[in-house]
Each structure stands twice: as C-alpha cells, then as structure tokens.
PDB file of N, CA and C in Angstrom:
ATOM      1  N   MET A   1       6.308   9.204 -14.987  1.00  0.00           N
ATOM      2  CA  MET A   1       6.485   8.555 -13.714  1.00  0.00           C
ATOM      3  C   MET A   1       7.049   9.568 -12.724  1.00  0.00           C
ATOM      4  N   THR A   2       6.477   9.647 -11.563  1.00  0.00           N
ATOM      5  CA  THR A   2       6.946  10.552 -10.532  1.00  0.00           C
ATOM      6  C   THR A   2       7.697   9.747  -9.485  1.00  0.00           C
ATOM      7  N   THR A   3       8.952  10.087  -9.265  1.00  0.00           N
ATOM      8  CA  THR A   3       9.735   9.405  -8.237  1.00  0.00           C
ATOM      9  C   THR A   3       9.832  10.316  -7.029  1.00  0.00           C
ATOM     10  N   THR A   4       9.531   9.761  -5.859  1.00  0.00           N
ATOM     11  CA  THR A   4       9.578  10.532  -4.635  1.00  0.00           C
ATOM     12  C   THR A   4      10.762  10.056  -3.818  1.00  0.00           C
ATOM     13  N   GLU A   5      11.720  10.944  -3.584  1.00  0.00           N
ATOM     14  CA  GLU A   5      12.928  10.561  -2.868  1.00  0.00           C
ATOM     15  C   GLU A   5      12.978  11.166  -1.477  1.00  0.00           C
ATOM     16  N   ALA A   6      12.756  12.466  -1.353  1.00  0.00           N
ATOM     17  CA  ALA A   6      12.899  13.142  -0.070  1.00  0.00           C
ATOM     18  C   ALA A   6      11.877  12.592   0.914  1.00  0.00           C
ATOM     19  N   ALA A   7      10.942  13.366   1.348  1.00  0.00           N
ATOM     20  CA  ALA A   7       9.935  12.892   2.286  1.00  0.00           C
ATOM     21  C   ALA A   7       8.838  12.186   1.505  1.00  0.00           C
ATOM     22  N   PRO A   8       8.804  10.839   1.545  1.00  0.00           N
ATOM     23  CA  PRO A   8       7.796  10.139   0.752  1.00  0.00           C
ATOM     24  C   PRO A   8       6.385  10.457   1.226  1.00  0.00           C
ATOM     25  N   ALA A   9       5.472  10.474   0.275  1.00  0.00           N
ATOM     26  CA  ALA A   9       4.080  10.753   0.586  1.00  0.00           C
ATOM     27  C   ALA A   9       3.403   9.554   1.229  1.00  0.00           C
ATOM     28  N   ILE A  10       4.022   8.378   1.091  1.00  0.00           N
ATOM     29  CA  ILE A  10       3.584   7.197   1.822  1.00  0.00           C
ATOM     30  C   ILE A  10       4.819   6.557   2.440  1.00  0.00           C
ATOM     31  N   GLU A  11       4.590   5.745   3.446  1.00  0.00           N
ATOM     32  CA  GLU A  11       5.697   5.059   4.117  1.00  0.00           C
ATOM     33  C   GLU A  11       5.357   3.580   4.233  1.00  0.00           C
ATOM     34  N   VAL A  12       6.349   2.743   4.033  1.00  0.00           N
ATOM     35  CA  VAL A  12       6.202   1.308   4.248  1.00  0.00           C
ATOM     36  C   VAL A  12       7.237   0.930   5.299  1.00  0.00           C
ATOM     37  N   THR A  13       6.784   0.382   6.411  1.00  0.00           N
ATOM     38  CA  THR A  13       7.689   0.055   7.508  1.00  0.00           C
ATOM     39  C   THR A  13       8.623  -1.084   7.117  1.00  0.00           C
ATOM     40  N   PRO A  14       9.775  -1.180   7.785  1.00  0.00           N
ATOM     41  CA  PRO A  14      10.700  -2.284   7.490  1.00  0.00           C
ATOM     42  C   PRO A  14      10.059  -3.665   7.636  1.00  0.00           C
ATOM     43  N   LYS A  15       9.181  -3.847   8.602  1.00  0.00           N
ATOM     44  CA  LYS A  15       8.520  -5.141   8.781  1.00  0.00           C
ATOM     45  C   LYS A  15       7.616  -5.449   7.583  1.00  0.00           C
ATOM     46  N   ALA A  16       6.887  -4.439   7.101  1.00  0.00           N
ATOM     47  CA  ALA A  16       6.033  -4.634   5.926  1.00  0.00           C
ATOM     48  C   ALA A  16       6.875  -4.908   4.685  1.00  0.00           C
ATOM     49  N   VAL A  17       7.991  -4.207   4.532  1.00  0.00           N
ATOM     50  CA  VAL A  17       8.892  -4.436   3.398  1.00  0.00           C
ATOM     51  C   VAL A  17       9.366  -5.887   3.402  1.00  0.00           C
ATOM     52  N   GLY A  18       9.739  -6.395   4.570  1.00  0.00           N
ATOM     53  CA  GLY A  18      10.186  -7.778   4.676  1.00  0.00           C
ATOM     54  C   GLY A  18       9.109  -8.765   4.263  1.00  0.00           C
ATOM     55  N   LYS A  19       7.878  -8.523   4.679  1.00  0.00           N
ATOM     56  CA  LYS A  19       6.763  -9.418   4.329  1.00  0.00           C
ATOM     57  C   LYS A  19       6.443  -9.331   2.842  1.00  0.00           C
ATOM     58  N   ILE A  20       6.534  -8.138   2.260  1.00  0.00           N
ATOM     59  CA  ILE A  20       6.311  -7.979   0.825  1.00  0.00           C
ATOM     60  C   ILE A  20       7.388  -8.749   0.066  1.00  0.00           C
ATOM     61  N   ARG A  21       8.636  -8.604   0.481  1.00  0.00           N
ATOM     62  CA  ARG A  21       9.752  -9.306  -0.163  1.00  0.00           C
ATOM     63  C   ARG A  21       9.545 -10.821  -0.069  1.00  0.00           C
ATOM     64  N   GLN A  22       9.127 -11.316   1.095  1.00  0.00           N
ATOM     65  CA  GLN A  22       8.864 -12.748   1.261  1.00  0.00           C
ATOM     66  C   GLN A  22       7.767 -13.219   0.314  1.00  0.00           C
ATOM     67  N   ALA A  23       6.718 -12.418   0.181  1.00  0.00           N
ATOM     68  CA  ALA A  23       5.606 -12.776  -0.714  1.00  0.00           C
ATOM     69  C   ALA A  23       6.067 -12.806  -2.168  1.00  0.00           C
ATOM     70  N   PHE A  24       6.893 -11.834  -2.574  1.00  0.00           N
ATOM     71  CA  PHE A  24       7.445 -11.821  -3.933  1.00  0.00           C
ATOM     72  C   PHE A  24       8.211 -13.113  -4.193  1.00  0.00           C
ATOM     73  N   GLU A  25       9.079 -13.490  -3.245  1.00  0.00           N
ATOM     74  CA  GLU A  25       9.894 -14.691  -3.410  1.00  0.00           C
ATOM     75  C   GLU A  25       9.036 -15.950  -3.453  1.00  0.00           C
ATOM     76  N   LYS A  26       8.055 -16.036  -2.566  1.00  0.00           N
ATOM     77  CA  LYS A  26       7.190 -17.210  -2.497  1.00  0.00           C
ATOM     78  C   LYS A  26       6.384 -17.375  -3.780  1.00  0.00           C
ATOM     79  N   GLN A  27       5.899 -16.266  -4.335  1.00  0.00           N
ATOM     80  CA  GLN A  27       5.071 -16.306  -5.544  1.00  0.00           C
ATOM     81  C   GLN A  27       5.900 -16.279  -6.827  1.00  0.00           C
ATOM     82  N   GLY A  28       7.214 -16.059  -6.711  1.00  0.00           N
ATOM     83  CA  GLY A  28       8.065 -15.959  -7.884  1.00  0.00           C
ATOM     84  C   GLY A  28       7.781 -14.714  -8.704  1.00  0.00           C
ATOM     85  N   VAL A  29       7.411 -13.637  -8.019  1.00  0.00           N
ATOM     86  CA  VAL A  29       7.001 -12.401  -8.680  1.00  0.00           C
ATOM     87  C   VAL A  29       8.199 -11.478  -8.875  1.00  0.00           C
ATOM     88  N   THR A  30       8.271 -10.858 -10.041  1.00  0.00           N
ATOM     89  CA  THR A  30       9.227  -9.778 -10.258  1.00  0.00           C
ATOM     90  C   THR A  30       8.411  -8.540 -10.589  1.00  0.00           C
ATOM     91  N   GLY A  31       8.858  -7.416 -10.126  1.00  0.00           N
ATOM     92  CA  GLY A  31       8.123  -6.174 -10.350  1.00  0.00           C
ATOM     93  C   GLY A  31       7.979  -5.424  -9.058  1.00  0.00           C
ATOM     94  N   GLY A  32       6.780  -4.946  -8.789  1.00  0.00           N
ATOM     95  CA  GLY A  32       6.558  -4.154  -7.591  1.00  0.00           C
ATOM     96  C   GLY A  32       5.181  -4.379  -7.018  1.00  0.00           C
ATOM     97  N   LEU A  33       4.896  -3.634  -5.977  1.00  0.00           N
ATOM     98  CA  LEU A  33       3.611  -3.698  -5.293  1.00  0.00           C
ATOM     99  C   LEU A  33       2.781  -2.506  -5.712  1.00  0.00           C
ATOM    100  N   ARG A  34       1.580  -2.759  -6.196  1.00  0.00           N
ATOM    101  CA  ARG A  34       0.670  -1.679  -6.560  1.00  0.00           C
ATOM    102  C   ARG A  34      -0.296  -1.453  -5.411  1.00  0.00           C
ATOM    103  N   LEU A  35      -0.266  -0.233  -4.877  1.00  0.00           N
ATOM    104  CA  LEU A  35      -1.229   0.180  -3.862  1.00  0.00           C
ATOM    105  C   LEU A  35      -2.218   1.118  -4.528  1.00  0.00           C
ATOM    106  N   GLY A  36      -3.472   0.956  -4.200  1.00  0.00           N
ATOM    107  CA  GLY A  36      -4.483   1.820  -4.785  1.00  0.00           C
ATOM    108  C   GLY A  36      -5.743   1.837  -3.953  1.00  0.00           C
ATOM    109  N   VAL A  37      -6.702   2.586  -4.432  1.00  0.00           N
ATOM    110  CA  VAL A  37      -7.999   2.709  -3.783  1.00  0.00           C
ATOM    111  C   VAL A  37      -9.066   2.458  -4.840  1.00  0.00           C
ATOM    112  N   LEU A  38     -10.036   1.639  -4.489  1.00  0.00           N
ATOM    113  CA  LEU A  38     -11.148   1.333  -5.377  1.00  0.00           C
ATOM    114  C   LEU A  38     -12.453   1.675  -4.673  1.00  0.00           C
ATOM    115  N   GLY A  39     -13.466   2.037  -5.449  1.00  0.00           N
ATOM    116  CA  GLY A  39     -14.799   2.235  -4.882  1.00  0.00           C
ATOM    117  C   GLY A  39     -15.352   0.896  -4.443  1.00  0.00           C
ATOM    118  N   GLY A  40     -16.004   0.872  -3.293  1.00  0.00           N
ATOM    119  CA  GLY A  40     -16.596  -0.362  -2.792  1.00  0.00           C
ATOM    120  C   GLY A  40     -16.154  -0.646  -1.371  1.00  0.00           C
ATOM    121  N   GLY A  41     -16.540  -1.783  -0.877  1.00  0.00           N
ATOM    122  CA  GLY A  41     -16.230  -2.128   0.504  1.00  0.00           C
ATOM    123  C   GLY A  41     -17.319  -1.613   1.426  1.00  0.00           C
ATOM    124  N   CYS A  42     -17.301  -2.041   2.650  1.00  0.00           N
ATOM    125  CA  CYS A  42     -18.397  -1.690   3.570  1.00  0.00           C
ATOM    126  C   CYS A  42     -18.365  -0.233   4.027  1.00  0.00           C
ATOM    127  N   SER A  43     -17.249   0.466   3.804  1.00  0.00           N
ATOM    128  CA  SER A  43     -17.193   1.880   4.198  1.00  0.00           C
ATOM    129  C   SER A  43     -17.126   2.825   3.001  1.00  0.00           C
ATOM    130  N   GLY A  44     -17.202   2.301   1.784  1.00  0.00           N
ATOM    131  CA  GLY A  44     -17.226   3.164   0.609  1.00  0.00           C
ATOM    132  C   GLY A  44     -16.018   3.057  -0.295  1.00  0.00           C
ATOM    133  N   LEU A  45     -14.837   2.920   0.277  1.00  0.00           N
ATOM    134  CA  LEU A  45     -13.603   2.764  -0.493  1.00  0.00           C
ATOM    135  C   LEU A  45     -12.844   1.572   0.061  1.00  0.00           C
ATOM    136  N   SER A  46     -12.135   0.867  -0.808  1.00  0.00           N
ATOM    137  CA  SER A  46     -11.330  -0.254  -0.318  1.00  0.00           C
ATOM    138  C   SER A  46      -9.920  -0.147  -0.876  1.00  0.00           C
ATOM    139  N   TYR A  47      -8.991  -0.695  -0.126  1.00  0.00           N
ATOM    140  CA  TYR A  47      -7.592  -0.672  -0.527  1.00  0.00           C
ATOM    141  C   TYR A  47      -7.329  -1.755  -1.569  1.00  0.00           C
ATOM    142  N   GLN A  48      -6.539  -1.399  -2.569  1.00  0.00           N
ATOM    143  CA  GLN A  48      -6.067  -2.360  -3.554  1.00  0.00           C
ATOM    144  C   GLN A  48      -4.612  -2.651  -3.211  1.00  0.00           C
ATOM    145  N   PHE A  49      -4.262  -3.908  -3.240  1.00  0.00           N
ATOM    146  CA  PHE A  49      -2.945  -4.347  -2.813  1.00  0.00           C
ATOM    147  C   PHE A  49      -2.605  -5.538  -3.684  1.00  0.00           C
ATOM    148  N   LYS A  50      -1.777  -5.327  -4.725  1.00  0.00           N
ATOM    149  CA  LYS A  50      -1.489  -6.439  -5.623  1.00  0.00           C
ATOM    150  C   LYS A  50      -0.105  -6.294  -6.237  1.00  0.00           C
ATOM    151  N   PHE A  51       0.411  -7.403  -6.744  1.00  0.00           N
ATOM    152  CA  PHE A  51       1.684  -7.405  -7.429  1.00  0.00           C
ATOM    153  C   PHE A  51       1.457  -6.932  -8.861  1.00  0.00           C
ATOM    154  N   ASP A  52       2.431  -6.225  -9.407  1.00  0.00           N
ATOM    155  CA  ASP A  52       2.351  -5.770 -10.789  1.00  0.00           C
ATOM    156  C   ASP A  52       3.746  -5.876 -11.390  1.00  0.00           C
ATOM    157  N   THR A  53       3.816  -6.056 -12.699  1.00  0.00           N
ATOM    158  CA  THR A  53       5.109  -6.271 -13.347  1.00  0.00           C
ATOM    159  C   THR A  53       5.880  -4.984 -13.595  1.00  0.00           C
ATOM    160  N   LYS A  54       5.177  -3.868 -13.820  1.00  0.00           N
ATOM    161  CA  LYS A  54       5.884  -2.612 -14.067  1.00  0.00           C
ATOM    162  C   LYS A  54       4.970  -1.426 -13.745  1.00  0.00           C
ATOM    163  N   PRO A  55       5.569  -0.276 -13.446  1.00  0.00           N
ATOM    164  CA  PRO A  55       4.758   0.908 -13.163  1.00  0.00           C
ATOM    165  C   PRO A  55       4.176   1.494 -14.440  1.00  0.00           C
ATOM    166  N   ARG A  56       3.100   2.233 -14.270  1.00  0.00           N
ATOM    167  CA  ARG A  56       2.512   2.987 -15.381  1.00  0.00           C
ATOM    168  C   ARG A  56       3.222   4.336 -15.459  1.00  0.00           C
ATOM    169  N   THR A  57       3.137   4.978 -16.587  1.00  0.00           N
ATOM    170  CA  THR A  57       3.864   6.243 -16.780  1.00  0.00           C
ATOM    171  C   THR A  57       3.408   7.338 -15.828  1.00  0.00           C
ATOM    172  N   THR A  58       2.177   7.276 -15.346  1.00  0.00           N
ATOM    173  CA  THR A  58       1.671   8.324 -14.453  1.00  0.00           C
ATOM    174  C   THR A  58       1.801   7.981 -12.972  1.00  0.00           C
ATOM    175  N   ASP A  59       2.299   6.787 -12.660  1.00  0.00           N
ATOM    176  CA  ASP A  59       2.401   6.342 -11.265  1.00  0.00           C
ATOM    177  C   ASP A  59       3.383   7.168 -10.449  1.00  0.00           C
ATOM    178  N   HIS A  60       3.084   7.275  -9.159  1.00  0.00           N
ATOM    179  CA  HIS A  60       4.056   7.745  -8.173  1.00  0.00           C
ATOM    180  C   HIS A  60       4.849   6.503  -7.795  1.00  0.00           C
ATOM    181  N   VAL A  61       6.167   6.600  -7.844  1.00  0.00           N
ATOM    182  CA  VAL A  61       7.037   5.452  -7.599  1.00  0.00           C
ATOM    183  C   VAL A  61       7.811   5.675  -6.306  1.00  0.00           C
ATOM    184  N   PHE A  62       7.738   4.700  -5.414  1.00  0.00           N
ATOM    185  CA  PHE A  62       8.450   4.740  -4.143  1.00  0.00           C
ATOM    186  C   PHE A  62       9.302   3.481  -4.044  1.00  0.00           C
ATOM    187  N   THR A  63      10.462   3.597  -3.440  1.00  0.00           N
ATOM    188  CA  THR A  63      11.318   2.435  -3.218  1.00  0.00           C
ATOM    189  C   THR A  63      11.698   2.389  -1.744  1.00  0.00           C
ATOM    190  N   PHE A  64      11.439   1.253  -1.131  1.00  0.00           N
ATOM    191  CA  PHE A  64      11.736   1.041   0.287  1.00  0.00           C
ATOM    192  C   PHE A  64      12.631  -0.191   0.389  1.00  0.00           C
ATOM    193  N   ASP A  65      13.904   0.025   0.677  1.00  0.00           N
ATOM    194  CA  ASP A  65      14.870  -1.057   0.844  1.00  0.00           C
ATOM    195  C   ASP A  65      14.797  -2.052  -0.322  1.00  0.00           C
ATOM    196  N   GLY A  66      14.759  -1.526  -1.544  1.00  0.00           N
ATOM    197  CA  GLY A  66      14.753  -2.359  -2.734  1.00  0.00           C
ATOM    198  C   GLY A  66      13.394  -2.852  -3.190  1.00  0.00           C
ATOM    199  N   VAL A  67      12.338  -2.548  -2.456  1.00  0.00           N
ATOM    200  CA  VAL A  67      10.983  -2.951  -2.843  1.00  0.00           C
ATOM    201  C   VAL A  67      10.281  -1.739  -3.458  1.00  0.00           C
ATOM    202  N   ASP A  68       9.837  -1.896  -4.715  1.00  0.00           N
ATOM    203  CA  ASP A  68       9.128  -0.811  -5.393  1.00  0.00           C
ATOM    204  C   ASP A  68       7.651  -0.843  -5.061  1.00  0.00           C
ATOM    205  N   VAL A  69       7.093   0.341  -4.816  1.00  0.00           N
ATOM    206  CA  VAL A  69       5.671   0.514  -4.549  1.00  0.00           C
ATOM    207  C   VAL A  69       5.162   1.566  -5.518  1.00  0.00           C
ATOM    208  N   TRP A  70       4.070   1.242  -6.211  1.00  0.00           N
ATOM    209  CA  TRP A  70       3.513   2.133  -7.226  1.00  0.00           C
ATOM    210  C   TRP A  70       2.094   2.528  -6.860  1.00  0.00           C
ATOM    211  N   VAL A  71       1.806   3.824  -6.992  1.00  0.00           N
ATOM    212  CA  VAL A  71       0.487   4.361  -6.658  1.00  0.00           C
ATOM    213  C   VAL A  71       0.031   5.254  -7.806  1.00  0.00           C
ATOM    214  N   ASP A  72      -1.169   4.999  -8.312  1.00  0.00           N
ATOM    215  CA  ASP A  72      -1.690   5.836  -9.386  1.00  0.00           C
ATOM    216  C   ASP A  72      -2.097   7.204  -8.833  1.00  0.00           C
ATOM    217  N   PRO A  73      -2.142   8.235  -9.671  1.00  0.00           N
ATOM    218  CA  PRO A  73      -2.423   9.595  -9.186  1.00  0.00           C
ATOM    219  C   PRO A  73      -3.759   9.746  -8.449  1.00  0.00           C
ATOM    220  N   LYS A  74      -4.815   9.097  -8.929  1.00  0.00           N
ATOM    221  CA  LYS A  74      -6.124   9.217  -8.270  1.00  0.00           C
ATOM    222  C   LYS A  74      -6.075   8.616  -6.860  1.00  0.00           C
ATOM    223  N   SER A  75      -5.451   7.438  -6.737  1.00  0.00           N
ATOM    224  CA  SER A  75      -5.336   6.805  -5.420  1.00  0.00           C
ATOM    225  C   SER A  75      -4.457   7.617  -4.481  1.00  0.00           C
ATOM    226  N   MET A  76      -3.465   8.308  -5.038  1.00  0.00           N
ATOM    227  CA  MET A  76      -2.550   9.102  -4.213  1.00  0.00           C
ATOM    228  C   MET A  76      -3.313  10.154  -3.420  1.00  0.00           C
ATOM    229  N   ASN A  77      -4.430  10.651  -3.972  1.00  0.00           N
ATOM    230  CA  ASN A  77      -5.259  11.627  -3.242  1.00  0.00           C
ATOM    231  C   ASN A  77      -5.773  11.052  -1.926  1.00  0.00           C
ATOM    232  N   PHE A  78      -6.015   9.743  -1.882  1.00  0.00           N
ATOM    233  CA  PHE A  78      -6.543   9.087  -0.682  1.00  0.00           C
ATOM    234  C   PHE A  78      -5.458   8.467   0.191  1.00  0.00           C
ATOM    235  N   LEU A  79      -4.265   8.247  -0.389  1.00  0.00           N
ATOM    236  CA  LEU A  79      -3.199   7.545   0.340  1.00  0.00           C
ATOM    237  C   LEU A  79      -2.072   8.449   0.818  1.00  0.00           C
ATOM    238  N   ASN A  80      -2.103   9.715   0.457  1.00  0.00           N
ATOM    239  CA  ASN A  80      -1.046  10.645   0.845  1.00  0.00           C
ATOM    240  C   ASN A  80      -0.905  10.686   2.371  1.00  0.00           C
ATOM    241  N   GLY A  81       0.276  10.386   2.864  1.00  0.00           N
ATOM    242  CA  GLY A  81       0.528  10.376   4.312  1.00  0.00           C
ATOM    243  C   GLY A  81       0.303   9.023   4.970  1.00  0.00           C
ATOM    244  N   MET A  82      -0.094   8.024   4.201  1.00  0.00           N
ATOM    245  CA  MET A  82      -0.392   6.697   4.739  1.00  0.00           C
ATOM    246  C   MET A  82       0.881   5.930   5.116  1.00  0.00           C
ATOM    247  N   ILE A  83       0.757   5.084   6.116  1.00  0.00           N
ATOM    248  CA  ILE A  83       1.820   4.163   6.515  1.00  0.00           C
ATOM    249  C   ILE A  83       1.283   2.751   6.336  1.00  0.00           C
ATOM    250  N   LEU A  84       2.046   1.925   5.617  1.00  0.00           N
ATOM    251  CA  LEU A  84       1.712   0.515   5.483  1.00  0.00           C
ATOM    252  C   LEU A  84       2.606  -0.246   6.443  1.00  0.00           C
ATOM    253  N   ASP A  85       2.000  -0.973   7.358  1.00  0.00           N
ATOM    254  CA  ASP A  85       2.739  -1.719   8.371  1.00  0.00           C
ATOM    255  C   ASP A  85       2.300  -3.174   8.315  1.00  0.00           C
ATOM    256  N   TYR A  86       3.003  -4.019   9.027  1.00  0.00           N
ATOM    257  CA  TYR A  86       2.623  -5.416   9.162  1.00  0.00           C
ATOM    258  C   TYR A  86       2.566  -5.720  10.649  1.00  0.00           C
ATOM    259  N   LYS A  87       1.424  -6.188  11.105  1.00  0.00           N
ATOM    260  CA  LYS A  87       1.219  -6.492  12.519  1.00  0.00           C
ATOM    261  C   LYS A  87       1.041  -7.990  12.713  1.00  0.00           C
ATOM    262  N   GLU A  88       1.617  -8.492  13.790  1.00  0.00           N
ATOM    263  CA  GLU A  88       1.448  -9.891  14.158  1.00  0.00           C
ATOM    264  C   GLU A  88       0.983  -9.962  15.602  1.00  0.00           C
ATOM    265  N   SER A  89      -0.053 -10.737  15.831  1.00  0.00           N
ATOM    266  CA  SER A  89      -0.530 -10.946  17.193  1.00  0.00           C
ATOM    267  C   SER A  89      -0.966 -12.398  17.324  1.00  0.00           C
ATOM    268  N   ILE A  90      -1.371 -12.755  18.499  1.00  0.00           N
ATOM    269  CA  ILE A  90      -1.819 -14.123  18.745  1.00  0.00           C
ATOM    270  C   ILE A  90      -3.066 -14.429  17.919  1.00  0.00           C
ATOM    271  N   LEU A  91      -3.944 -13.444  17.751  1.00  0.00           N
ATOM    272  CA  LEU A  91      -5.205 -13.673  17.065  1.00  0.00           C
ATOM    273  C   LEU A  91      -5.146 -13.513  15.553  1.00  0.00           C
ATOM    274  N   GLN A  92      -4.309 -12.586  15.075  1.00  0.00           N
ATOM    275  CA  GLN A  92      -4.251 -12.377  13.633  1.00  0.00           C
ATOM    276  C   GLN A  92      -2.956 -11.705  13.216  1.00  0.00           C
ATOM    277  N   SER A  93      -2.636 -11.880  11.948  1.00  0.00           N
ATOM    278  CA  SER A  93      -1.460 -11.244  11.360  1.00  0.00           C
ATOM    279  C   SER A  93      -1.858 -10.700  10.007  1.00  0.00           C
ATOM    280  N   GLY A  94      -1.283  -9.567   9.633  1.00  0.00           N
ATOM    281  CA  GLY A  94      -1.569  -9.024   8.318  1.00  0.00           C
ATOM    282  C   GLY A  94      -1.118  -7.590   8.183  1.00  0.00           C
ATOM    283  N   PHE A  95      -1.288  -7.076   6.970  1.00  0.00           N
ATOM    284  CA  PHE A  95      -0.916  -5.705   6.688  1.00  0.00           C
ATOM    285  C   PHE A  95      -1.934  -4.756   7.295  1.00  0.00           C
ATOM    286  N   GLU A  96      -1.427  -3.627   7.780  1.00  0.00           N
ATOM    287  CA  GLU A  96      -2.279  -2.610   8.399  1.00  0.00           C
ATOM    288  C   GLU A  96      -2.059  -1.285   7.665  1.00  0.00           C
ATOM    289  N   PHE A  97      -3.149  -0.675   7.257  1.00  0.00           N
ATOM    290  CA  PHE A  97      -3.115   0.627   6.603  1.00  0.00           C
ATOM    291  C   PHE A  97      -3.396   1.693   7.647  1.00  0.00           C
ATOM    292  N   ILE A  98      -2.417   2.535   7.916  1.00  0.00           N
ATOM    293  CA  ILE A  98      -2.591   3.642   8.858  1.00  0.00           C
ATOM    294  C   ILE A  98      -2.724   4.889   7.990  1.00  0.00           C
ATOM    295  N   ASN A  99      -3.962   5.293   7.778  1.00  0.00           N
ATOM    296  CA  ASN A  99      -4.260   6.316   6.782  1.00  0.00           C
ATOM    297  C   ASN A  99      -4.888   7.544   7.433  1.00  0.00           C
ATOM    298  N   PRO A 100      -4.167   8.674   7.427  1.00  0.00           N
ATOM    299  CA  PRO A 100      -4.724   9.891   8.027  1.00  0.00           C
ATOM    300  C   PRO A 100      -5.903  10.462   7.246  1.00  0.00           C
ATOM    301  N   ASN A 101      -6.124   9.994   6.027  1.00  0.00           N
ATOM    302  CA  ASN A 101      -7.236  10.468   5.201  1.00  0.00           C
ATOM    303  C   ASN A 101      -8.530   9.715   5.468  1.00  0.00           C
ATOM    304  N   ALA A 102      -8.453   8.615   6.184  1.00  0.00           N
ATOM    305  CA  ALA A 102      -9.626   7.801   6.467  1.00  0.00           C
ATOM    306  C   ALA A 102     -10.390   8.413   7.643  1.00  0.00           C
ATOM    307  N   GLN A 103     -11.593   8.859   7.380  1.00  0.00           N
ATOM    308  CA  GLN A 103     -12.426   9.414   8.449  1.00  0.00           C
ATOM    309  C   GLN A 103     -13.127   8.317   9.227  1.00  0.00           C
ATOM    310  N   LYS A 104     -13.382   7.209   8.544  1.00  0.00           N
ATOM    311  CA  LYS A 104     -14.047   6.067   9.166  1.00  0.00           C
ATOM    312  C   LYS A 104     -13.546   4.818   8.455  1.00  0.00           C
ATOM    313  N   SER A 105     -13.333   3.733   9.194  1.00  0.00           N
ATOM    314  CA  SER A 105     -12.936   2.492   8.543  1.00  0.00           C
ATOM    315  C   SER A 105     -13.753   1.332   9.122  1.00  0.00           C
ATOM    316  N   CYS A 106     -13.779   0.257   8.366  1.00  0.00           N
ATOM    317  CA  CYS A 106     -14.545  -0.912   8.814  1.00  0.00           C
ATOM    318  C   CYS A 106     -13.713  -1.704   9.826  1.00  0.00           C
ATOM    319  N   GLY A 107     -14.331  -2.691  10.426  1.00  0.00           N
ATOM    320  CA  GLY A 107     -13.657  -3.498  11.432  1.00  0.00           C
ATOM    321  C   GLY A 107     -12.481  -4.297  10.908  1.00  0.00           C
ATOM    322  N   CYS A 108     -12.546  -4.709   9.644  1.00  0.00           N
ATOM    323  CA  CYS A 108     -11.444  -5.523   9.112  1.00  0.00           C
ATOM    324  C   CYS A 108     -10.276  -4.663   8.652  1.00  0.00           C
ATOM    325  N   GLY A 109     -10.450  -3.346   8.521  1.00  0.00           N
ATOM    326  CA  GLY A 109      -9.365  -2.453   8.168  1.00  0.00           C
ATOM    327  C   GLY A 109      -9.032  -2.364   6.694  1.00  0.00           C
ATOM    328  N   THR A 110      -9.836  -3.019   5.836  1.00  0.00           N
ATOM    329  CA  THR A 110      -9.546  -2.962   4.397  1.00  0.00           C
ATOM    330  C   THR A 110     -10.471  -2.019   3.650  1.00  0.00           C
ATOM    331  N   SER A 111     -11.372  -1.369   4.352  1.00  0.00           N
ATOM    332  CA  SER A 111     -12.315  -0.447   3.743  1.00  0.00           C
ATOM    333  C   SER A 111     -12.388   0.820   4.587  1.00  0.00           C
ATOM    334  N   PHE A 112     -12.580   1.961   3.908  1.00  0.00           N
ATOM    335  CA  PHE A 112     -12.631   3.226   4.642  1.00  0.00           C
ATOM    336  C   PHE A 112     -13.448   4.249   3.870  1.00  0.00           C
ATOM    337  N   SER A 113     -13.752   5.350   4.526  1.00  0.00           N
ATOM    338  CA  SER A 113     -14.371   6.493   3.850  1.00  0.00           C
ATOM    339  C   SER A 113     -13.498   7.711   4.111  1.00  0.00           C
ATOM    340  N   ALA A 114     -13.450   8.583   3.126  1.00  0.00           N
ATOM    341  CA  ALA A 114     -12.603   9.765   3.232  1.00  0.00           C
ATOM    342  C   ALA A 114     -13.447  11.018   3.354  1.00  0.00           C
TER     343      ALA A 114
END
C-alpha cells in the first residue's frame, strides 16, 4: 500500500469530502471510496466511483479530512493530478472530475480519453 502524505497526486475538495461522508452515513458504509478508470464510455475511458470495504495492497491511499480514497496503480496513471469536486447548480448537482490527463471528455463528464 502506498500512502501519499505530502503533495497528494489527487485532491478531493472539502465540499466533495462532505458529500462522500454524507453518502457513507446514508448508506451505512464503512471503508473508503475507490476511484478508478475503466475502459468504456462514450470517450473511451470512464471513471469508477464506488464504496469499498478496504484497500488492496497495491493501492495508493489518500486521506482527506478522515475520508479514505483508494486508487489502483493502473488508474493512477490516468488520475494523477486530478481534483474531485462537488458542484451544485440550479440545473444539476454532482461530482466533477477535473482531470489534467483528459484530452477530451463527454458532455456528462463521466467519460474521457487520455
């Protein structure tokens, strides 16, 4: 397990941390948030965003205000430098992936190409 303390390779904003914590409480989940990248989606790659009970031995482990985030090594190649935020507007609310590795993304923001 790789723990990143100094300058994290990914960032989760305080607003996103709060929403993740709320979701954990609402679902009765213990563990952490697994972020990853899967093949597929309208732009070639899609973000994986799910609750998991424990990290894998090869995961990069990040902690943001008590919320654990786990990223597998292969996904880290695509997520390095990413910011996970939570946006709220009159029309929609949800998590936003701000990924400097994404050369193109789809309109819904859950798929990208690198």
